[in-house]
Amino acid sequence: MLNFYREGKSQRAIAKETGVDRKTVSKYINAYQQARQKLIQSEDTTRIDQIDLITDLVDPP
């Protein structure tokens, strides 16, 4: 689902293509964006913290 988002597809198009409700798509995208921002803003984190964040980005919310 996030691959579609990164390709620039709209939430409505992702929902239609995957068969998942648009609100659920929105929740996934919001969780992804928050985790991504946390990763970007973390300058002094350890490698383990970064791996945890990356795992959060990949796993469903």
C-alpha atoms as a PDB file:
ATOM      1  CA  MET A   1       0.000   0.000   0.000  1.00  0.00           C
ATOM      2  CA  LEU A   2       2.787   2.421   0.884  1.00  0.00           C
ATOM      3  CA  ASN A   3       4.482   1.610  -2.401  1.00  0.00           C
ATOM      4  CA  PHE A   4       1.468   3.051  -4.192  1.00  0.00           C
ATOM      5  CA  TYR A   5       1.658   6.152  -2.011  1.00  0.00           C
ATOM      6  CA  ARG A   6       5.349   6.625  -2.735  1.00  0.00           C
ATOM      7  CA  GLU A   7       4.516   6.323  -6.445  1.00  0.00           C
ATOM      8  CA  GLY A   8       2.221   9.335  -6.053  1.00  0.00           C
ATOM      9  CA  LYS A   9      -1.165   7.620  -6.227  1.00  0.00           C
ATOM     10  CA  SER A  10      -4.068   9.203  -4.374  1.00  0.00           C
ATOM     11  CA  GLN A  11      -5.587   7.627  -1.294  1.00  0.00           C
ATOM     12  CA  ARG A  12      -8.784   7.006  -3.227  1.00  0.00           C
ATOM     13  CA  ALA A  13      -6.886   5.210  -6.024  1.00  0.00           C
ATOM     14  CA  ILE A  14      -4.968   3.113  -3.499  1.00  0.00           C
ATOM     15  CA  ALA A  15      -8.211   2.152  -1.735  1.00  0.00           C
ATOM     16  CA  LYS A  16      -9.858   1.185  -5.005  1.00  0.00           C
ATOM     17  CA  GLU A  17      -6.871  -0.820  -6.202  1.00  0.00           C
ATOM     18  CA  THR A  18      -6.266  -2.672  -2.919  1.00  0.00           C
ATOM     19  CA  GLY A  19      -9.870  -3.084  -1.796  1.00  0.00           C
ATOM     20  CA  VAL A  20      -9.083  -1.417   1.541  1.00  0.00           C
ATOM     21  CA  ASP A  21     -11.284   1.343   2.938  1.00  0.00           C
ATOM     22  CA  ARG A  22      -9.986   4.844   2.199  1.00  0.00           C
ATOM     23  CA  LYS A  23      -9.945   5.724   5.910  1.00  0.00           C
ATOM     24  CA  THR A  24      -7.708   2.729   6.575  1.00  0.00           C
ATOM     25  CA  VAL A  25      -5.403   3.815   3.763  1.00  0.00           C
ATOM     26  CA  SER A  26      -5.281   7.252   5.350  1.00  0.00           C
ATOM     27  CA  LYS A  27      -4.329   5.757   8.738  1.00  0.00           C
ATOM     28  CA  TYR A  28      -1.500   3.756   7.179  1.00  0.00           C
ATOM     29  CA  ILE A  29      -0.172   6.795   5.324  1.00  0.00           C
ATOM     30  CA  ASN A  30      -0.354   9.026   8.409  1.00  0.00           C
ATOM     31  CA  ALA A  31       1.488   6.450  10.509  1.00  0.00           C
ATOM     32  CA  TYR A  32       4.109   6.130   7.773  1.00  0.00           C
ATOM     33  CA  GLN A  33       4.592   9.894   7.546  1.00  0.00           C
ATOM     34  CA  GLN A  34       4.939  10.271  11.315  1.00  0.00           C
ATOM     35  CA  ALA A  35       7.488   7.469  11.580  1.00  0.00           C
ATOM     36  CA  ARG A  36       9.382   8.868   8.594  1.00  0.00           C
ATOM     37  CA  GLN A  37       9.522  12.347  10.138  1.00  0.00           C
ATOM     38  CA  LYS A  38      10.739  10.853  13.407  1.00  0.00           C
ATOM     39  CA  LEU A  39      13.511   9.061  11.532  1.00  0.00           C
ATOM     40  CA  ILE A  40      14.492  12.193   9.605  1.00  0.00           C
ATOM     41  CA  GLN A  41      14.547  14.370  12.725  1.00  0.00           C
ATOM     42  CA  SER A  42      16.604  11.933  14.787  1.00  0.00           C
ATOM     43  CA  GLU A  43      20.182  13.079  14.433  1.00  0.00           C
ATOM     44  CA  ASP A  44      21.784  11.477  17.465  1.00  0.00           C
ATOM     45  CA  THR A  45      19.950   8.153  17.581  1.00  0.00           C
ATOM     46  CA  THR A  46      21.725   4.860  17.704  1.00  0.00           C
ATOM     47  CA  ARG A  47      21.664   2.391  14.858  1.00  0.00           C
ATOM     48  CA  ILE A  48      19.237   0.190  16.814  1.00  0.00           C
ATOM     49  CA  ASP A  49      16.740   3.052  17.169  1.00  0.00           C
ATOM     50  CA  GLN A  50      16.926   3.696  13.428  1.00  0.00           C
ATOM     51  CA  ILE A  51      16.332   0.025  12.665  1.00  0.00           C
ATOM     52  CA  ASP A  52      13.287   0.071  14.977  1.00  0.00           C
ATOM     53  CA  LEU A  53      11.898   3.084  13.127  1.00  0.00           C
ATOM     54  CA  ILE A  54      12.507   1.488   9.756  1.00  0.00           C
ATOM     55  CA  THR A  55      10.716  -1.632  10.969  1.00  0.00           C
ATOM     56  CA  ASP A  56       7.803   0.563  12.075  1.00  0.00           C
ATOM     57  CA  LEU A  57       7.671   2.072   8.606  1.00  0.00           C
ATOM     58  CA  VAL A  58       7.420  -1.339   6.988  1.00  0.00           C
ATOM     59  CA  ASP A  59       5.026  -3.000   9.442  1.00  0.00           C
ATOM     60  CA  PRO A  60       1.317  -2.218   9.323  1.00  0.00           C
ATOM     61  CA  PRO A  61       0.173   0.246  12.007  1.00  0.00           C
END
